């Protein structure tokens, strides 16, 4: 973004840099006024404002040259005045508690936008809300964040695991500010609030480790556990992706497994080696339906929720 005083005589000469899709020129003489210049030659006026850290509201004012510089500045000033009037006339109601905000706004938002929301729900329910749930959102302080991290450490968690609760709380407060539930201010969970992680390590299984693991799972009462663990070792997929695997997603003839929805929300294809194909052929029932699970729980017919106690 280029910040400079915009001049009417220079607007037609502004260009998008070579190789870029667009360039944004902000008028230093009018708060929030920006001119977007695209590689195609189009030019559009916008009025922008920051509503939370890393969150901006953008309002389209019109296109140039249909809307000149003077008219664009007048429209931007009008937007600023309307926003000031809105803030001054808004009722100053009490801020919701953290527990109420999680139940009414944040959890529904997670369920809609995050496939792995259950992990965040458990983290909030077990660690964050018991300590901070009754505090109003606009009264949360850095000292409360320190108390949360201290409690995590007292529970025996390492710094990296303890930071997960604080990072989730920071995201929650950013959402509250973006949705104008609480006034725009500095998030009490800054990057300096997190614990320094010195316990990071890389653990790689040796062939002996793999052999001991396979011997252990082969002695399990769960007849599927050995095949499930072997498939994880052969493909490197996530545990949940393996547990929800269906025969309609697998093409054994081509050696491909299409995962329709990953943790990130997209789709990806996993190549299957000869050992993985042979393993799945051993699991395949006669004429399986497309939506039939590869590893169903024999007690419920549904996907396993966990294999840790199998």
Protein backbone atom coordinates (compact mmCIF):
# COMPACT_ATOMS: atom_id res chain seq x y z
CA UNK A 1 0.00 0.00 0.00
CA UNK A 2 1.23 3.48 -0.94
CA UNK A 3 0.28 6.37 1.36
CA UNK A 4 0.48 9.80 -0.27
CA UNK A 5 -1.60 12.93 -0.91
CA UNK A 6 -3.75 12.08 -3.93
CA UNK A 7 -4.00 14.75 -6.65
CA UNK A 8 -6.77 14.84 -9.23
CA UNK A 9 -4.31 15.40 -12.08
CA UNK A 10 -2.26 12.32 -11.12
CA UNK A 11 -5.04 9.73 -10.68
CA UNK A 12 -5.12 8.66 -14.33
CA UNK A 13 -1.33 8.14 -14.27
CA UNK A 14 -1.31 5.71 -11.31
CA UNK A 15 -0.34 2.22 -12.42
CA UNK A 16 -0.27 -1.27 -10.98
CA UNK A 17 3.31 -2.65 -10.65
CA UNK A 18 4.36 -5.17 -13.30
CA UNK A 19 3.40 -8.70 -12.22
CA UNK A 20 0.99 -7.59 -9.48
CA UNK A 21 -2.79 -8.01 -9.63
CA UNK A 22 -3.53 -4.67 -8.01
CA UNK A 23 -2.05 -1.72 -6.12
CA UNK A 24 -3.67 0.33 -3.36
CA UNK A 25 -3.05 4.07 -2.96
CA UNK A 26 -4.22 5.61 0.32
CA UNK A 27 -5.00 9.32 0.51
CA UNK A 28 -3.06 10.86 3.40
CA UNK A 29 -5.36 13.90 3.34
CA UNK A 30 -8.61 11.95 3.93
CA UNK A 31 -8.88 9.26 6.65
CA UNK A 32 -9.70 5.83 5.24
CA UNK A 33 -9.90 6.80 1.55
CA UNK A 34 -8.16 4.36 -0.80
CA UNK A 35 -7.97 3.96 -4.59
CA UNK A 36 -7.49 0.41 -5.84
CA UNK A 37 -5.73 0.26 -9.22
CA UNK A 38 -5.96 -3.14 -10.91
CA UNK A 39 -3.74 -4.65 -13.59
CA UNK A 40 -6.73 -4.66 -15.96
CA UNK A 41 -6.84 -0.85 -15.75
CA UNK A 42 -9.93 -0.59 -13.52
CA UNK A 43 -9.92 1.83 -10.58
CA UNK A 44 -12.23 1.68 -7.54
CA UNK A 45 -12.60 3.95 -4.51
CA UNK A 46 -12.91 2.36 -1.05
CA UNK A 47 -13.35 3.63 2.49
CA UNK A 48 -11.69 1.40 5.09
CA UNK A 49 -11.38 1.25 8.84
CA UNK A 50 -9.74 -1.13 11.31
CA UNK A 51 -12.29 -2.92 13.50
CA UNK A 52 -9.86 -5.29 15.26
CA UNK A 53 -6.22 -6.34 14.97
CA UNK A 54 -5.75 -7.74 11.43
CA UNK A 55 -9.43 -7.13 10.66
CA UNK A 56 -10.51 -4.32 8.33
CA UNK A 57 -13.91 -3.18 7.14
CA UNK A 58 -13.96 -2.08 3.49
CA UNK A 59 -16.82 -0.11 1.89
CA UNK A 60 -16.97 0.40 -1.87
CA UNK A 61 -17.63 4.05 -2.75
CA UNK A 62 -17.57 3.93 -6.57
CA UNK A 63 -15.33 3.71 -9.62
CA UNK A 64 -12.92 6.27 -11.06
CA UNK A 65 -13.38 8.41 -13.15
CA UNK A 66 -17.16 8.27 -12.64
CA UNK A 67 -16.46 9.33 -9.04
CA UNK A 68 -13.81 12.04 -8.90
CA UNK A 69 -11.37 12.78 -6.09
CA UNK A 70 -13.51 15.52 -4.53
CA UNK A 71 -16.64 13.36 -4.51
CA UNK A 72 -14.70 10.38 -3.12
CA UNK A 73 -13.32 12.51 -0.28
CA UNK A 74 -16.80 13.82 0.48
CA UNK A 75 -18.18 10.25 0.60
CA UNK A 76 -15.33 9.12 2.88
CA UNK A 77 -15.87 12.04 5.27
CA UNK A 78 -19.58 11.19 5.34
CA UNK A 79 -18.76 7.59 6.26
CA UNK A 80 -16.46 8.77 9.06
CA UNK A 81 -19.20 11.03 10.44
CA UNK A 82 -21.78 8.22 10.30
CA UNK A 83 -19.44 5.88 12.16
CA UNK A 84 -18.71 8.48 14.84
CA UNK A 85 -22.45 9.10 15.29
CA UNK A 86 -23.11 5.35 15.51
CA UNK A 87 -20.50 4.86 18.23
CA UNK A 88 -21.68 7.85 20.25
CA UNK A 89 -25.36 6.85 20.10
CA UNK A 90 -24.89 3.12 20.68
CA UNK A 91 -26.28 1.95 24.03
CA UNK A 92 -23.56 1.17 26.52
CA UNK A 93 -24.88 -2.22 27.63
CA UNK A 94 -22.95 -4.57 29.88
CA UNK A 95 -20.32 -6.73 28.24
CA UNK A 96 -21.18 -10.47 28.18
CA UNK A 97 -19.14 -12.82 30.28
CA UNK A 98 -16.64 -15.06 28.59
CA UNK A 99 -18.86 -18.09 29.24
CA UNK A 100 -21.93 -16.41 27.70
CA UNK A 101 -20.00 -15.23 24.63
CA UNK A 102 -18.60 -18.72 24.04
CA UNK A 103 -22.05 -20.30 24.21
CA UNK A 104 -23.95 -17.69 22.21
CA UNK A 105 -21.47 -16.55 19.53
CA UNK A 106 -18.07 -18.21 19.50
CA UNK A 107 -18.96 -21.92 19.52
CA UNK A 108 -21.62 -21.54 16.78
CA UNK A 109 -18.96 -19.71 14.74
CA UNK A 110 -16.44 -22.53 15.26
CA UNK A 111 -18.97 -25.23 14.35
CA UNK A 112 -19.68 -23.43 11.09
CA UNK A 113 -16.13 -22.64 10.01
CA UNK A 114 -13.75 -25.15 11.65
CA UNK A 115 -13.96 -28.92 11.06
CA UNK A 116 -11.88 -29.63 14.20
CA UNK A 117 -14.03 -27.43 16.47
CA UNK A 118 -14.53 -30.20 19.04
CA UNK A 119 -10.93 -29.88 20.19
CA UNK A 120 -11.39 -26.15 20.78
CA UNK A 121 -14.69 -26.78 22.59
CA UNK A 122 -12.99 -29.23 24.95
CA UNK A 123 -10.09 -26.83 25.56
CA UNK A 124 -12.50 -24.04 26.47
CA UNK A 125 -14.73 -26.22 28.63
CA UNK A 126 -11.98 -27.97 30.58
CA UNK A 127 -9.30 -25.29 30.92
CA UNK A 128 -10.40 -21.74 30.05
CA UNK A 129 -13.98 -21.37 31.28
CA UNK A 130 -13.51 -22.89 34.77
CA UNK A 131 -10.98 -20.14 35.52
CA UNK A 132 -12.14 -17.15 33.45
CA UNK A 133 -15.74 -17.93 32.48
CA UNK A 134 -17.41 -15.42 34.82
CA UNK A 135 -15.23 -12.43 33.81
CA UNK A 136 -16.85 -9.89 31.42
CA UNK A 137 -15.05 -9.79 28.08
CA UNK A 138 -14.09 -6.12 28.34
CA UNK A 139 -12.51 -6.70 31.77
CA UNK A 140 -10.06 -9.43 30.81
CA UNK A 141 -6.51 -8.37 31.66
CA UNK A 142 -3.01 -9.70 30.90
CA UNK A 143 -2.90 -10.90 34.53
CA UNK A 144 -5.84 -13.22 33.76
CA UNK A 145 -3.89 -14.68 30.85
CA UNK A 146 -0.89 -15.26 33.12
CA UNK A 147 -3.16 -17.01 35.63
CA UNK A 148 -4.48 -19.27 32.86
CA UNK A 149 -0.98 -20.21 31.72
CA UNK A 150 0.13 -20.81 35.31
CA UNK A 151 -2.83 -23.14 35.84
CA UNK A 152 -1.92 -25.06 32.70
CA UNK A 153 1.63 -25.57 33.93
CA UNK A 154 0.36 -26.71 37.33
CA UNK A 155 -1.69 -29.37 35.53
CA UNK A 156 1.56 -30.80 34.21
CA UNK A 157 1.41 -29.44 30.66
CA UNK A 158 4.50 -28.32 28.79
CA UNK A 159 4.79 -24.73 27.58
CA UNK A 160 3.78 -25.54 24.01
CA UNK A 161 0.59 -27.29 25.15
CA UNK A 162 -0.18 -24.57 27.70
CA UNK A 163 0.04 -21.89 25.01
CA UNK A 164 -2.81 -23.50 23.04
CA UNK A 165 -5.38 -22.20 25.53
CA UNK A 166 -3.96 -18.65 25.37
CA UNK A 167 -3.84 -18.68 21.55
CA UNK A 168 -7.47 -19.80 21.41
CA UNK A 169 -8.43 -17.05 23.88
CA UNK A 170 -6.62 -14.48 21.71
CA UNK A 171 -8.59 -15.61 18.66
CA UNK A 172 -11.83 -15.43 20.66
CA UNK A 173 -11.15 -11.84 21.72
CA UNK A 174 -10.19 -10.82 18.18
CA UNK A 175 -13.57 -12.16 17.03
CA UNK A 176 -15.36 -10.25 19.80
CA UNK A 177 -13.70 -7.00 18.67
CA UNK A 178 -14.34 -7.69 14.98
CA UNK A 179 -18.02 -8.35 15.72
CA UNK A 180 -18.14 -5.16 17.86
CA UNK A 181 -19.22 -7.10 20.96
CA UNK A 182 -16.57 -5.21 22.92
CA UNK A 183 -14.92 -1.86 22.08
CA UNK A 184 -11.84 -1.85 19.90
CA UNK A 185 -8.76 -2.00 22.10
CA UNK A 186 -5.50 -3.86 22.45
CA UNK A 187 -5.94 -7.61 22.86
CA UNK A 188 -4.72 -8.60 26.36
CA UNK A 189 -3.34 -11.83 24.89
CA UNK A 190 -0.40 -10.37 22.99
CA UNK A 191 2.45 -12.38 21.55
CA UNK A 192 4.52 -11.44 24.56
CA UNK A 193 2.01 -13.18 26.81
CA UNK A 194 2.87 -16.66 25.57
CA UNK A 195 5.37 -18.94 27.24
CA UNK A 196 8.71 -19.58 25.59
CA UNK A 197 8.86 -23.11 24.22
CA UNK A 198 12.14 -24.90 24.88
CA UNK A 199 10.79 -28.46 24.75
CA UNK A 200 10.46 -28.79 20.99
CA UNK A 201 11.88 -32.05 19.69
CA UNK A 202 11.55 -34.34 16.71
CA UNK A 203 10.77 -37.98 17.44
CA UNK A 204 11.27 -40.45 14.62
CA UNK A 205 10.32 -44.10 15.07
CA UNK A 206 13.13 -46.55 14.48
CA UNK A 207 12.48 -49.92 12.81
CA UNK A 208 12.64 -51.49 16.27
CA UNK A 209 10.00 -49.05 17.55
CA UNK A 210 7.72 -49.92 14.63
CA UNK A 211 8.18 -53.63 15.26
CA UNK A 212 7.29 -53.29 18.95
CA UNK A 213 4.21 -51.22 18.04
CA UNK A 214 2.97 -53.80 15.54
CA UNK A 215 3.51 -56.64 18.00
CA UNK A 216 1.47 -54.75 20.60
CA UNK A 217 -1.48 -53.95 18.32
CA UNK A 218 -1.58 -57.54 17.03
CA UNK A 219 -2.33 -58.68 20.60
CA UNK A 220 -5.30 -56.30 20.92
CA UNK A 221 -8.81 -57.70 21.24
CA UNK A 222 -9.78 -55.25 18.44
CA UNK A 223 -9.32 -57.16 15.19
CA UNK A 224 -9.18 -53.93 13.17
CA UNK A 225 -6.46 -52.22 15.20
CA UNK A 226 -3.51 -53.90 13.50
CA UNK A 227 -4.77 -52.99 10.03
CA UNK A 228 -5.58 -49.40 11.09
CA UNK A 229 -2.11 -48.79 12.55
CA UNK A 230 -0.40 -50.36 9.53
CA UNK A 231 -2.41 -48.15 7.17
CA UNK A 232 -1.38 -45.08 9.17
CA UNK A 233 2.28 -46.09 8.89
CA UNK A 234 2.00 -46.77 5.15
CA UNK A 235 0.13 -43.57 4.19
CA UNK A 236 0.99 -40.95 6.85
CA UNK A 237 -2.60 -39.67 6.93
CA UNK A 238 -4.29 -38.18 9.99
CA UNK A 239 -5.95 -40.59 12.41
CA UNK A 240 -9.39 -39.07 11.87
CA UNK A 241 -9.02 -39.37 8.08
CA UNK A 242 -8.30 -43.08 8.47
CA UNK A 243 -11.18 -43.67 10.89
CA UNK A 244 -13.68 -42.04 8.49
CA UNK A 245 -12.33 -43.80 5.38
CA UNK A 246 -15.09 -45.24 3.14
CA UNK A 247 -14.90 -47.76 0.33
CA UNK A 248 -16.35 -45.25 -2.12
CA UNK A 249 -13.26 -43.06 -1.60
CA UNK A 250 -10.80 -45.83 -2.53
CA UNK A 251 -9.74 -46.94 -6.01
CA UNK A 252 -7.68 -50.08 -5.40
CA UNK A 253 -7.17 -50.71 -9.12
CA UNK A 254 -5.48 -47.32 -9.56
CA UNK A 255 -3.93 -47.28 -6.08
CA UNK A 256 -5.58 -44.01 -5.05
CA UNK A 257 -7.47 -42.85 -1.99
CA UNK A 258 -9.46 -39.60 -2.30
CA UNK A 259 -10.01 -37.92 1.07
CA UNK A 260 -13.12 -35.75 0.45
CA UNK A 261 -12.62 -33.39 3.39
CA UNK A 262 -9.33 -32.79 5.18
CA UNK A 263 -8.74 -30.89 8.40
CA UNK A 264 -8.18 -27.75 6.30
CA UNK A 265 -11.55 -28.27 4.61
CA UNK A 266 -10.31 -29.22 1.14
CA UNK A 267 -9.90 -32.49 -0.75
CA UNK A 268 -6.70 -34.40 -1.42
CA UNK A 269 -5.60 -37.65 -3.05
CA UNK A 270 -3.28 -40.10 -1.28
CA UNK A 271 -1.31 -42.62 -3.41
CA UNK A 272 -1.50 -46.18 -2.08
CA UNK A 273 1.58 -48.37 -2.24
CA UNK A 274 1.34 -52.08 -3.01
CA UNK A 275 1.40 -52.99 0.69
CA UNK A 276 -1.46 -50.59 1.45
CA UNK A 277 -3.52 -51.98 -1.46
CA UNK A 278 -2.93 -55.55 -0.25
CA UNK A 279 -3.94 -54.57 3.28
CA UNK A 280 -7.20 -52.99 2.07
CA UNK A 281 -7.98 -55.99 -0.15
CA UNK A 282 -7.76 -58.12 2.98
CA UNK A 283 -10.25 -55.84 4.73
CA UNK A 284 -12.67 -55.48 1.82
CA UNK A 285 -16.02 -57.25 2.26
CA UNK A 286 -17.92 -58.70 -0.67
CA UNK A 287 -19.67 -55.96 -2.71
CA UNK A 288 -19.19 -53.09 -0.23
CA UNK A 289 -21.40 -50.02 -0.63
CA UNK A 290 -19.77 -46.67 -1.43
CA UNK A 291 -20.65 -45.13 1.95
CA UNK A 292 -19.61 -48.18 3.98
CA UNK A 293 -16.76 -47.55 6.42
CA UNK A 294 -13.52 -49.42 5.89
CA UNK A 295 -12.99 -49.77 9.64
CA UNK A 296 -16.44 -49.66 11.30
CA UNK A 297 -16.85 -50.09 15.03
CA UNK A 298 -18.46 -53.56 15.30
CA UNK A 299 -20.43 -52.46 18.36
CA UNK A 300 -22.09 -49.44 16.72
CA UNK A 301 -21.44 -49.73 12.98
CA UNK A 302 -20.14 -46.14 13.06
CA UNK A 303 -16.63 -44.71 12.89
CA UNK A 304 -14.41 -45.13 15.94
CA UNK A 305 -14.07 -42.00 18.06
CA UNK A 306 -10.65 -43.11 19.38
CA UNK A 307 -8.21 -46.01 19.06
CA UNK A 308 -6.11 -45.23 22.12
CA UNK A 309 -7.94 -47.74 24.32
CA UNK A 310 -8.60 -50.32 21.62
